Amino acid sequence: MPDTYGPDDFDGVEIESSVDFAAVPDAFQRLWTPHRLVYITAGPQPHADECPFCVAPSLSDEKALIVARGETCFVLLNLFPYNAGHLLVCPYRHVASYDDATGEEVAEMGALTQTAMRVLRATANCDGFNLGMNQGGIAGAGIAEHLHQHIVPRWAQDSNFFPIIAGTKAM
């Protein structure tokens, strides 16, 4: 048998409709987030030789969604946010791993994160935050080759984006 299959490989094979199967009950609530479909279905992607986080600083703040610029790092709105106000903190330098970042980059990422949290708390009245970095594609990084930290504002009773914690899945 080949390692890959095409549609013609299944001629004559009867495919059962999923309508005939009962849904497997689980404790998850479903949250419809159609704005993320472009991301999920691999919508507009940067050119293979372009890192969007390297290109962004050369654009206007409005076009790149940049909300703050520092000496070594900048802050921008996430194009595919988990929640309103979802920000990313990125070094200007193209570096993939946190342990390869300079002390100056690490310090400024922390300072910009702290400032962003204060601004979001004051303007959006959020109750908490999820902060995180996914290091490597295997860890869930969508753009693994350029270090970035997520700042996700949270409110009491929101739907969360971690199914393990909240029992909710975005659809």
Protein backbone atom coordinates (compact mmCIF):
# COMPACT_ATOMS: atom_id res chain seq x y z
CA MET A 1 0.00 0.00 0.00
CA PRO A 2 1.27 3.51 -0.72
CA ASP A 3 2.04 5.97 2.07
CA THR A 4 -0.35 8.54 0.60
CA TYR A 5 -3.77 8.10 -0.91
CA GLY A 6 -5.85 10.09 -3.37
CA PRO A 7 -9.61 10.18 -3.97
CA ASP A 8 -9.36 7.53 -6.69
CA ASP A 9 -7.82 5.05 -4.25
CA PHE A 10 -11.18 4.68 -2.56
CA ASP A 11 -13.40 3.94 -5.57
CA GLY A 12 -16.07 1.48 -4.54
CA VAL A 13 -15.47 2.03 -0.82
CA GLU A 14 -18.63 3.04 0.97
CA ILE A 15 -18.09 6.02 3.25
CA GLU A 16 -20.47 6.24 6.19
CA SER A 17 -22.04 9.61 6.85
CA SER A 18 -21.17 11.20 10.16
CA VAL A 19 -24.88 12.01 10.49
CA ASP A 20 -25.41 8.38 11.44
CA PHE A 21 -23.10 8.65 14.42
CA ALA A 22 -24.10 10.09 17.76
CA ALA A 23 -21.86 12.90 18.92
CA VAL A 24 -19.52 11.84 21.64
CA PRO A 25 -20.70 13.71 24.72
CA ASP A 26 -18.07 15.77 26.47
CA ALA A 27 -17.94 18.62 28.94
CA PHE A 28 -16.85 21.22 26.38
CA GLN A 29 -18.94 24.23 25.51
CA ARG A 30 -18.54 25.39 21.90
CA LEU A 31 -17.67 28.97 21.02
CA TRP A 32 -18.07 29.94 17.36
CA THR A 33 -15.20 32.25 16.33
CA PRO A 34 -15.54 32.78 12.57
CA HIS A 35 -12.95 35.58 12.52
CA ARG A 36 -10.27 32.93 13.19
CA LEU A 37 -11.22 30.80 10.17
CA VAL A 38 -8.77 32.68 7.96
CA TYR A 39 -5.98 31.64 10.32
CA ILE A 40 -7.24 28.08 10.78
CA THR A 41 -7.67 27.50 7.05
CA ALA A 42 -4.22 28.96 6.31
CA GLY A 43 -5.54 32.17 4.81
CA PRO A 44 -3.26 34.98 3.72
CA GLN A 45 0.24 33.90 4.61
CA PRO A 46 3.45 35.90 4.37
CA HIS A 47 5.81 34.97 1.56
CA ALA A 48 7.98 32.03 2.56
CA ASP A 49 11.07 34.25 2.64
CA GLU A 50 9.38 37.00 4.71
CA CYS A 51 9.01 36.98 8.47
CA PRO A 52 5.95 39.10 9.34
CA PHE A 53 7.58 40.23 12.59
CA CYS A 54 10.67 41.41 10.68
CA VAL A 55 8.54 43.23 8.07
CA ALA A 56 6.15 44.89 10.56
CA PRO A 57 8.56 47.51 11.99
CA SER A 58 9.27 48.86 8.49
CA LEU A 59 5.55 49.58 7.96
CA SER A 60 3.49 52.38 9.44
CA ASP A 61 2.17 51.68 12.92
CA GLU A 62 -1.38 51.65 11.56
CA LYS A 63 -0.65 49.17 8.78
CA ALA A 64 1.40 46.86 11.02
CA LEU A 65 -0.99 47.24 14.01
CA ILE A 66 1.96 48.40 16.16
CA VAL A 67 0.88 50.06 19.40
CA ALA A 68 4.31 50.69 20.99
CA ARG A 69 7.95 50.75 19.92
CA GLY A 70 10.96 50.37 22.20
CA GLU A 71 14.69 50.24 21.56
CA THR A 72 14.91 46.45 21.03
CA CYS A 73 11.25 45.32 20.93
CA PHE A 74 7.81 46.42 19.78
CA VAL A 75 4.18 45.63 20.65
CA LEU A 76 1.47 44.91 18.10
CA LEU A 77 -2.11 43.73 18.00
CA ASN A 78 -2.52 40.05 17.15
CA LEU A 79 -4.09 39.75 13.69
CA PHE A 80 -5.97 36.62 14.88
CA PRO A 81 -6.77 37.40 18.54
CA TYR A 82 -7.96 34.93 21.15
CA ASN A 83 -9.65 37.84 22.93
CA ALA A 84 -10.11 41.55 22.28
CA GLY A 85 -6.88 43.36 23.09
CA HIS A 86 -4.64 40.33 22.41
CA LEU A 87 -1.13 41.77 21.98
CA LEU A 88 2.24 40.39 20.91
CA VAL A 89 5.63 41.63 22.12
CA CYS A 90 8.43 40.94 19.62
CA PRO A 91 12.12 41.78 19.42
CA TYR A 92 13.13 43.66 16.26
CA ARG A 93 15.95 41.16 15.79
CA HIS A 94 15.04 37.88 14.09
CA VAL A 95 15.63 35.40 16.91
CA ALA A 96 13.64 32.21 17.44
CA SER A 97 14.34 31.17 20.99
CA TYR A 98 13.98 32.97 24.30
CA ASP A 99 17.33 31.60 25.44
CA ASP A 100 18.99 33.21 22.39
CA ALA A 101 17.54 36.66 23.15
CA THR A 102 19.92 39.25 24.58
CA GLY A 103 19.56 40.52 28.12
CA GLU A 104 18.40 43.85 26.72
CA GLU A 105 15.70 42.16 24.62
CA VAL A 106 14.48 40.06 27.55
CA ALA A 107 14.39 43.10 29.84
CA GLU A 108 12.50 45.23 27.32
CA MET A 109 10.04 42.43 26.54
CA GLY A 110 9.28 42.31 30.25
CA ALA A 111 8.97 46.08 30.58
CA LEU A 112 6.72 46.37 27.50
CA THR A 113 4.60 43.46 28.75
CA GLN A 114 4.17 45.17 32.11
CA THR A 115 3.23 48.48 30.47
CA ALA A 116 0.78 46.76 28.10
CA MET A 117 -0.89 44.99 31.03
CA ARG A 118 -1.30 48.28 32.89
CA VAL A 119 -2.78 49.99 29.83
CA LEU A 120 -5.16 47.09 29.11
CA ARG A 121 -6.28 46.90 32.73
CA ALA A 122 -6.97 50.67 32.77
CA THR A 123 -8.67 50.89 29.36
CA ALA A 124 -10.38 47.52 28.96
CA ASN A 125 -11.08 46.81 32.63
CA CYS A 126 -9.83 43.23 32.29
CA ASP A 127 -9.67 40.98 35.34
CA GLY A 128 -6.52 39.06 34.46
CA PHE A 129 -4.13 37.96 31.73
CA ASN A 130 -2.68 34.93 30.05
CA LEU A 131 0.97 35.52 29.15
CA GLY A 132 2.91 33.05 27.11
CA MET A 133 5.44 32.03 24.50
CA ASN A 134 5.17 28.93 22.37
CA GLN A 135 8.75 27.94 21.63
CA GLY A 136 8.90 25.90 18.42
CA GLY A 137 6.29 24.61 16.03
CA ILE A 138 5.81 21.46 18.09
CA ALA A 139 4.82 23.69 21.04
CA GLY A 140 2.16 25.45 19.00
CA ALA A 141 4.03 28.48 17.69
CA GLY A 142 2.39 29.74 14.50
CA ILE A 143 5.50 31.76 13.66
CA ALA A 144 8.17 29.69 15.36
CA GLU A 145 11.15 31.37 13.75
CA HIS A 146 10.63 34.76 15.47
CA LEU A 147 10.30 35.03 19.23
CA HIS A 148 7.11 36.68 20.45
CA GLN A 149 5.15 36.80 23.69
CA HIS A 150 1.35 36.76 23.84
CA ILE A 151 -0.54 39.06 26.21
CA VAL A 152 -4.16 37.94 26.32
CA PRO A 153 -6.55 40.00 28.48
CA ARG A 154 -9.14 38.01 30.40
CA TRP A 155 -12.45 38.87 32.01
CA ALA A 156 -14.50 37.00 34.58
CA GLN A 157 -16.97 34.75 32.75
CA ASP A 158 -15.16 34.93 29.40
CA SER A 159 -14.83 31.81 27.31
CA ASN A 160 -11.06 31.32 27.64
CA PHE A 161 -8.97 29.71 24.94
CA PHE A 162 -7.55 26.80 26.89
CA PRO A 163 -10.06 23.92 26.74
CA ILE A 164 -8.22 22.08 29.50
CA ILE A 165 -8.82 24.90 31.96
CA ALA A 166 -12.28 26.11 30.98
CA GLY A 167 -13.91 23.17 29.23
CA THR A 168 -14.58 25.34 26.15
CA LYS A 169 -13.43 24.88 22.58
CA ALA A 170 -13.41 27.62 19.95
CA MET A 171 -14.99 26.46 16.68
